[in-house]
C-alpha atoms as a PDB file:
ATOM      1  CA  UNK A   1     -42.747  15.601   2.332  1.00  0.00           C
ATOM      2  CA  UNK A   2     -41.674  17.031   5.642  1.00  0.00           C
ATOM      3  CA  UNK A   3     -44.643  15.590   7.501  1.00  0.00           C
ATOM      4  CA  UNK A   4     -43.969  11.856   6.778  1.00  0.00           C
ATOM      5  CA  UNK A   5     -40.268  12.318   7.619  1.00  0.00           C
ATOM      6  CA  UNK A   6     -41.163  14.052  10.875  1.00  0.00           C
ATOM      7  CA  UNK A   7     -43.621  11.242  11.752  1.00  0.00           C
ATOM      8  CA  UNK A   8     -40.995   8.595  11.029  1.00  0.00           C
ATOM      9  CA  UNK A   9     -38.527  10.411  13.264  1.00  0.00           C
ATOM     10  CA  UNK A  10     -41.078  10.605  16.095  1.00  0.00           C
ATOM     11  CA  UNK A  11     -41.804   6.891  15.705  1.00  0.00           C
ATOM     12  CA  UNK A  12     -38.088   6.015  15.838  1.00  0.00           C
ATOM     13  CA  UNK A  13     -37.597   8.179  18.944  1.00  0.00           C
ATOM     14  CA  UNK A  14     -40.618   6.559  20.646  1.00  0.00           C
ATOM     15  CA  UNK A  15     -39.369   3.078  19.801  1.00  0.00           C
ATOM     16  CA  UNK A  16     -35.854   3.944  21.030  1.00  0.00           C
ATOM     17  CA  UNK A  17     -37.197   5.351  24.303  1.00  0.00           C
ATOM     18  CA  UNK A  18     -39.461   2.332  24.751  1.00  0.00           C
ATOM     19  CA  UNK A  19     -36.581  -0.112  24.252  1.00  0.00           C
ATOM     20  CA  UNK A  20     -34.091   1.758  26.419  1.00  0.00           C
ATOM     21  CA  UNK A  21     -35.482   0.577  29.779  1.00  0.00           C
ATOM     22  CA  UNK A  22     -35.676  -3.020  28.559  1.00  0.00           C
ATOM     23  CA  UNK A  23     -32.071  -2.895  27.350  1.00  0.00           C
ATOM     24  CA  UNK A  24     -30.955  -1.399  30.653  1.00  0.00           C
ATOM     25  CA  UNK A  25     -32.796  -4.069  32.604  1.00  0.00           C
ATOM     26  CA  UNK A  26     -31.263  -6.838  30.505  1.00  0.00           C
ATOM     27  CA  UNK A  27     -27.789  -5.319  30.832  1.00  0.00           C
ATOM     28  CA  UNK A  28     -28.211  -4.945  34.616  1.00  0.00           C
ATOM     29  CA  UNK A  29     -28.993  -8.636  35.071  1.00  0.00           C
ATOM     30  CA  UNK A  30     -25.972 -10.622  36.184  1.00  0.00           C
ATOM     31  CA  UNK A  31     -24.293 -12.774  33.563  1.00  0.00           C
ATOM     32  CA  UNK A  32     -23.870 -16.481  34.164  1.00  0.00           C
ATOM     33  CA  UNK A  33     -20.230 -17.367  34.734  1.00  0.00           C
ATOM     34  CA  UNK A  34     -18.320 -20.366  36.014  1.00  0.00           C
ATOM     35  CA  UNK A  35     -15.685 -21.363  38.533  1.00  0.00           C
ATOM     36  CA  UNK A  36     -13.927 -24.716  38.653  1.00  0.00           C
ATOM     37  CA  UNK A  37     -13.156 -27.309  41.291  1.00  0.00           C
ATOM     38  CA  UNK A  38     -10.672 -30.147  40.756  1.00  0.00           C
ATOM     39  CA  UNK A  39     -10.801 -33.376  42.778  1.00  0.00           C
ATOM     40  CA  UNK A  40      -8.312 -36.233  42.731  1.00  0.00           C
ATOM     41  CA  UNK A  41      -8.587 -39.963  43.384  1.00  0.00           C
ATOM     42  CA  UNK A  42      -5.831 -42.593  43.212  1.00  0.00           C
ATOM     43  CA  UNK A  43      -6.535 -46.251  42.492  1.00  0.00           C
ATOM     44  CA  UNK A  44      -4.630 -49.353  41.465  1.00  0.00           C
ATOM     45  CA  UNK A  45      -5.320 -51.584  38.480  1.00  0.00           C
ATOM     46  CA  UNK A  46      -6.378 -55.168  39.365  1.00  0.00           C
ATOM     47  CA  UNK A  47      -2.952 -56.461  38.218  1.00  0.00           C
ATOM     48  CA  UNK A  48      -0.951 -53.835  40.184  1.00  0.00           C
ATOM     49  CA  UNK A  49       2.049 -55.238  42.113  1.00  0.00           C
ATOM     50  CA  UNK A  50       0.984 -53.564  45.365  1.00  0.00           C
ATOM     51  CA  UNK A  51      -2.423 -55.301  45.260  1.00  0.00           C
ATOM     52  CA  UNK A  52      -0.976 -58.745  44.600  1.00  0.00           C
ATOM     53  CA  UNK A  53       1.870 -58.562  47.155  1.00  0.00           C
ATOM     54  CA  UNK A  54       1.089 -55.932  49.797  1.00  0.00           C
ATOM     55  CA  UNK A  55      -2.580 -56.114  50.819  1.00  0.00           C
ATOM     56  CA  UNK A  56      -3.023 -54.245  54.099  1.00  0.00           C
ATOM     57  CA  UNK A  57       0.450 -52.655  53.947  1.00  0.00           C
ATOM     58  CA  UNK A  58       0.926 -48.984  54.731  1.00  0.00           C
ATOM     59  CA  UNK A  59       2.445 -46.501  52.344  1.00  0.00           C
ATOM     60  CA  UNK A  60       2.572 -42.970  51.051  1.00  0.00           C
ATOM     61  CA  UNK A  61       2.111 -41.236  47.708  1.00  0.00           C
ATOM     62  CA  UNK A  62       2.834 -37.773  46.398  1.00  0.00           C
ATOM     63  CA  UNK A  63       2.541 -36.317  42.936  1.00  0.00           C
ATOM     64  CA  UNK A  64       2.904 -33.095  40.988  1.00  0.00           C
ATOM     65  CA  UNK A  65       0.101 -31.530  38.968  1.00  0.00           C
ATOM     66  CA  UNK A  66       0.716 -28.657  36.542  1.00  0.00           C
ATOM     67  CA  UNK A  67      -2.360 -26.408  36.443  1.00  0.00           C
ATOM     68  CA  UNK A  68      -3.193 -23.513  34.127  1.00  0.00           C
ATOM     69  CA  UNK A  69      -6.518 -21.759  34.724  1.00  0.00           C
ATOM     70  CA  UNK A  70      -6.615 -18.325  33.121  1.00  0.00           C
ATOM     71  CA  UNK A  71      -9.428 -15.894  32.394  1.00  0.00           C
ATOM     72  CA  UNK A  72      -9.908 -12.129  32.402  1.00  0.00           C
ATOM     73  CA  UNK A  73     -11.069 -12.196  36.036  1.00  0.00           C
ATOM     74  CA  UNK A  74      -8.753 -14.870  37.415  1.00  0.00           C
ATOM     75  CA  UNK A  75      -5.279 -16.113  36.530  1.00  0.00           C
ATOM     76  CA  UNK A  76      -3.568 -19.159  37.998  1.00  0.00           C
ATOM     77  CA  UNK A  77      -0.564 -21.095  36.761  1.00  0.00           C
ATOM     78  CA  UNK A  78       1.521 -23.317  38.964  1.00  0.00           C
ATOM     79  CA  UNK A  79       2.428 -26.709  40.316  1.00  0.00           C
ATOM     80  CA  UNK A  80       0.290 -28.405  42.943  1.00  0.00           C
ATOM     81  CA  UNK A  81       2.084 -31.005  45.080  1.00  0.00           C
ATOM     82  CA  UNK A  82      -0.414 -33.022  47.120  1.00  0.00           C
ATOM     83  CA  UNK A  83       0.845 -35.822  49.344  1.00  0.00           C
ATOM     84  CA  UNK A  84      -0.959 -38.632  51.107  1.00  0.00           C
ATOM     85  CA  UNK A  85       1.168 -40.097  53.937  1.00  0.00           C
ATOM     86  CA  UNK A  86      -1.178 -42.670  55.518  1.00  0.00           C
ATOM     87  CA  UNK A  87      -2.392 -44.970  52.762  1.00  0.00           C
ATOM     88  CA  UNK A  88      -3.420 -48.559  53.461  1.00  0.00           C
ATOM     89  CA  UNK A  89      -3.406 -50.919  50.475  1.00  0.00           C
ATOM     90  CA  UNK A  90      -6.994 -52.207  50.093  1.00  0.00           C
ATOM     91  CA  UNK A  91      -7.989 -55.888  50.087  1.00  0.00           C
ATOM     92  CA  UNK A  92      -9.703 -55.679  46.707  1.00  0.00           C
ATOM     93  CA  UNK A  93      -9.062 -53.808  43.435  1.00  0.00           C
ATOM     94  CA  UNK A  94     -12.383 -51.933  43.540  1.00  0.00           C
ATOM     95  CA  UNK A  95     -11.351 -49.744  46.489  1.00  0.00           C
ATOM     96  CA  UNK A  96      -9.234 -46.594  45.926  1.00  0.00           C
ATOM     97  CA  UNK A  97      -5.846 -46.003  47.542  1.00  0.00           C
ATOM     98  CA  UNK A  98      -6.781 -42.328  47.982  1.00  0.00           C
ATOM     99  CA  UNK A  99     -10.507 -41.525  48.159  1.00  0.00           C
ATOM    100  CA  UNK A 100     -11.835 -38.550  46.211  1.00  0.00           C
ATOM    101  CA  UNK A 101     -10.254 -35.417  47.685  1.00  0.00           C
ATOM    102  CA  UNK A 102     -10.491 -31.738  46.718  1.00  0.00           C
ATOM    103  CA  UNK A 103      -7.227 -30.652  45.092  1.00  0.00           C
ATOM    104  CA  UNK A 104      -8.014 -27.061  44.006  1.00  0.00           C
ATOM    105  CA  UNK A 105     -10.966 -24.678  43.696  1.00  0.00           C
ATOM    106  CA  UNK A 106     -11.335 -21.210  42.205  1.00  0.00           C
ATOM    107  CA  UNK A 107     -12.550 -18.423  44.477  1.00  0.00           C
ATOM    108  CA  UNK A 108     -13.546 -16.064  41.657  1.00  0.00           C
ATOM    109  CA  UNK A 109     -16.455 -16.433  39.270  1.00  0.00           C
ATOM    110  CA  UNK A 110     -15.291 -15.719  35.713  1.00  0.00           C
ATOM    111  CA  UNK A 111     -16.372 -15.823  32.094  1.00  0.00           C
ATOM    112  CA  UNK A 112     -16.768 -19.203  30.445  1.00  0.00           C
ATOM    113  CA  UNK A 113     -13.520 -19.904  28.630  1.00  0.00           C
ATOM    114  CA  UNK A 114     -13.122 -23.672  28.675  1.00  0.00           C
ATOM    115  CA  UNK A 115     -11.710 -26.054  31.238  1.00  0.00           C
ATOM    116  CA  UNK A 116      -8.463 -25.549  33.151  1.00  0.00           C
ATOM    117  CA  UNK A 117      -5.454 -27.379  31.670  1.00  0.00           C
ATOM    118  CA  UNK A 118      -4.333 -30.044  34.146  1.00  0.00           C
ATOM    119  CA  UNK A 119      -1.407 -32.481  33.768  1.00  0.00           C
ATOM    120  CA  UNK A 120       0.024 -34.944  36.267  1.00  0.00           C
ATOM    121  CA  UNK A 121       3.784 -34.751  35.666  1.00  0.00           C
ATOM    122  CA  UNK A 122       5.182 -37.181  38.255  1.00  0.00           C
ATOM    123  CA  UNK A 123       4.098 -39.689  40.873  1.00  0.00           C
ATOM    124  CA  UNK A 124       6.229 -41.053  43.690  1.00  0.00           C
ATOM    125  CA  UNK A 125       5.808 -43.093  46.834  1.00  0.00           C
ATOM    126  CA  UNK A 126       6.565 -46.282  48.687  1.00  0.00           C
ATOM    127  CA  UNK A 127       4.674 -49.135  50.284  1.00  0.00           C
ATOM    128  CA  UNK A 128       5.695 -51.563  53.073  1.00  0.00           C
ATOM    129  CA  UNK A 129       8.719 -51.307  55.334  1.00  0.00           C
ATOM    130  CA  UNK A 130      11.027 -54.290  54.979  1.00  0.00           C
ATOM    131  CA  UNK A 131      12.296 -56.503  52.155  1.00  0.00           C
ATOM    132  CA  UNK A 132       8.939 -56.504  50.328  1.00  0.00           C
ATOM    133  CA  UNK A 133       9.047 -52.707  49.995  1.00  0.00           C
ATOM    134  CA  UNK A 134       7.863 -51.264  46.684  1.00  0.00           C
ATOM    135  CA  UNK A 135       9.193 -47.882  45.531  1.00  0.00           C
ATOM    136  CA  UNK A 136       7.215 -45.911  42.965  1.00  0.00           C
ATOM    137  CA  UNK A 137       8.842 -43.250  40.821  1.00  0.00           C
ATOM    138  CA  UNK A 138       6.912 -42.475  37.645  1.00  0.00           C
ATOM    139  CA  UNK A 139       7.454 -39.460  35.376  1.00  0.00           C
ATOM    140  CA  UNK A 140       6.291 -38.246  31.976  1.00  0.00           C
ATOM    141  CA  UNK A 141       8.270 -38.980  28.839  1.00  0.00           C
ATOM    142  CA  UNK A 142      10.394 -36.017  27.672  1.00  0.00           C
ATOM    143  CA  UNK A 143      11.834 -35.298  24.228  1.00  0.00           C
ATOM    144  CA  UNK A 144      15.531 -36.113  24.036  1.00  0.00           C
ATOM    145  CA  UNK A 145      15.546 -38.347  27.140  1.00  0.00           C
ATOM    146  CA  UNK A 146      15.248 -42.097  27.537  1.00  0.00           C
ATOM    147  CA  UNK A 147      11.779 -43.450  28.232  1.00  0.00           C
ATOM    148  CA  UNK A 148      11.473 -43.675  32.042  1.00  0.00           C
ATOM    149  CA  UNK A 149      11.299 -47.194  33.542  1.00  0.00           C
ATOM    150  CA  UNK A 150       7.879 -46.473  35.074  1.00  0.00           C
ATOM    151  CA  UNK A 151       6.424 -44.085  32.507  1.00  0.00           C
ATOM    152  CA  UNK A 152       3.514 -41.873  33.539  1.00  0.00           C
ATOM    153  CA  UNK A 153       1.001 -41.352  30.741  1.00  0.00           C
ATOM    154  CA  UNK A 154      -1.123 -38.251  31.457  1.00  0.00           C
ATOM    155  CA  UNK A 155      -4.224 -36.901  29.757  1.00  0.00           C
ATOM    156  CA  UNK A 156      -6.230 -40.074  29.198  1.00  0.00           C
ATOM    157  CA  UNK A 157      -9.737 -38.720  28.701  1.00  0.00           C
ATOM    158  CA  UNK A 158     -12.499 -40.516  30.581  1.00  0.00           C
ATOM    159  CA  UNK A 159     -16.240 -40.265  30.010  1.00  0.00           C
ATOM    160  CA  UNK A 160     -17.925 -37.243  31.628  1.00  0.00           C
ATOM    161  CA  UNK A 161     -20.349 -37.981  34.414  1.00  0.00           C
ATOM    162  CA  UNK A 162     -22.084 -36.563  37.457  1.00  0.00           C
ATOM    163  CA  UNK A 163     -22.061 -37.281  41.160  1.00  0.00           C
ATOM    164  CA  UNK A 164     -23.115 -35.547  44.388  1.00  0.00           C
ATOM    165  CA  UNK A 165     -20.963 -32.485  43.510  1.00  0.00           C
ATOM    166  CA  UNK A 166     -22.468 -32.155  40.021  1.00  0.00           C
ATOM    167  CA  UNK A 167     -21.350 -32.607  36.406  1.00  0.00           C
ATOM    168  CA  UNK A 168     -17.658 -33.405  35.913  1.00  0.00           C
ATOM    169  CA  UNK A 169     -15.074 -34.018  33.194  1.00  0.00           C
ATOM    170  CA  UNK A 170     -12.449 -36.635  34.055  1.00  0.00           C
ATOM    171  CA  UNK A 171      -8.846 -37.279  33.027  1.00  0.00           C
ATOM    172  CA  UNK A 172      -6.501 -40.061  34.055  1.00  0.00           C
ATOM    173  CA  UNK A 173      -2.749 -40.357  34.422  1.00  0.00           C
ATOM    174  CA  UNK A 174      -1.574 -43.976  34.489  1.00  0.00           C
ATOM    175  CA  UNK A 175       1.789 -45.522  35.391  1.00  0.00           C
ATOM    176  CA  UNK A 176       3.064 -48.297  33.146  1.00  0.00           C
ATOM    177  CA  UNK A 177       4.824 -50.662  35.600  1.00  0.00           C
ATOM    178  CA  UNK A 178       3.347 -49.857  39.011  1.00  0.00           C
ATOM    179  CA  UNK A 179      -0.157 -49.815  37.418  1.00  0.00           C
ATOM    180  CA  UNK A 180      -1.535 -46.879  39.411  1.00  0.00           C
ATOM    181  CA  UNK A 181      -4.189 -44.402  38.212  1.00  0.00           C
ATOM    182  CA  UNK A 182      -4.473 -40.753  39.217  1.00  0.00           C
ATOM    183  CA  UNK A 183      -7.959 -39.570  38.244  1.00  0.00           C
ATOM    184  CA  UNK A 184      -8.704 -35.847  38.086  1.00  0.00           C
ATOM    185  CA  UNK A 185     -12.315 -34.653  38.048  1.00  0.00           C
ATOM    186  CA  UNK A 186     -12.987 -31.092  36.886  1.00  0.00           C
ATOM    187  CA  UNK A 187     -16.309 -29.658  38.053  1.00  0.00           C
ATOM    188  CA  UNK A 188     -17.666 -26.524  36.311  1.00  0.00           C
ATOM    189  CA  UNK A 189     -19.756 -24.706  38.935  1.00  0.00           C
ATOM    190  CA  UNK A 190     -22.275 -22.117  37.679  1.00  0.00           C
ATOM    191  CA  UNK A 191     -22.108 -18.691  39.316  1.00  0.00           C
ATOM    192  CA  UNK A 192     -22.998 -15.048  38.556  1.00  0.00           C
ATOM    193  CA  UNK A 193     -20.395 -12.511  37.455  1.00  0.00           C
END
């Protein structure tokens, strides 16, 4: 009886020793992680007042984006406040007011834990100088307050796609009266932890 038990024990030890280097090699290999980049683009709907009345006029836009991107390796929560002072209203609706621009990018590679949470909370600006001037002041709806005159609706999910930077997920914030769109593209970039 002792002999078969001893043989089984030797076999288990041999198997364990044989697997140990493979397990070490697999554990030593770097794990695939991710970091995110967020780009922004601002456009006007074809029926936007600035396109029908102010083609070629100069203006400026600024907005606030609330961003939460948390993982074990990296934590970020805050408000981003980009501004674009030298905008020229395009001649046609197909051209953006603000071309695609990098808004934020993570420096640290981290575990995969979903996309950052991004919300455009307000949009402001003005176009033209004299009597034809258009002021834009759009904010989100808040519980307990009147609906704003130019309500900003955030979080409209767009179809995912890919471009020269890679695969992206897109979200839109749209103003009701001024008919402007703020598109946010979130790029997940593969990296090694």
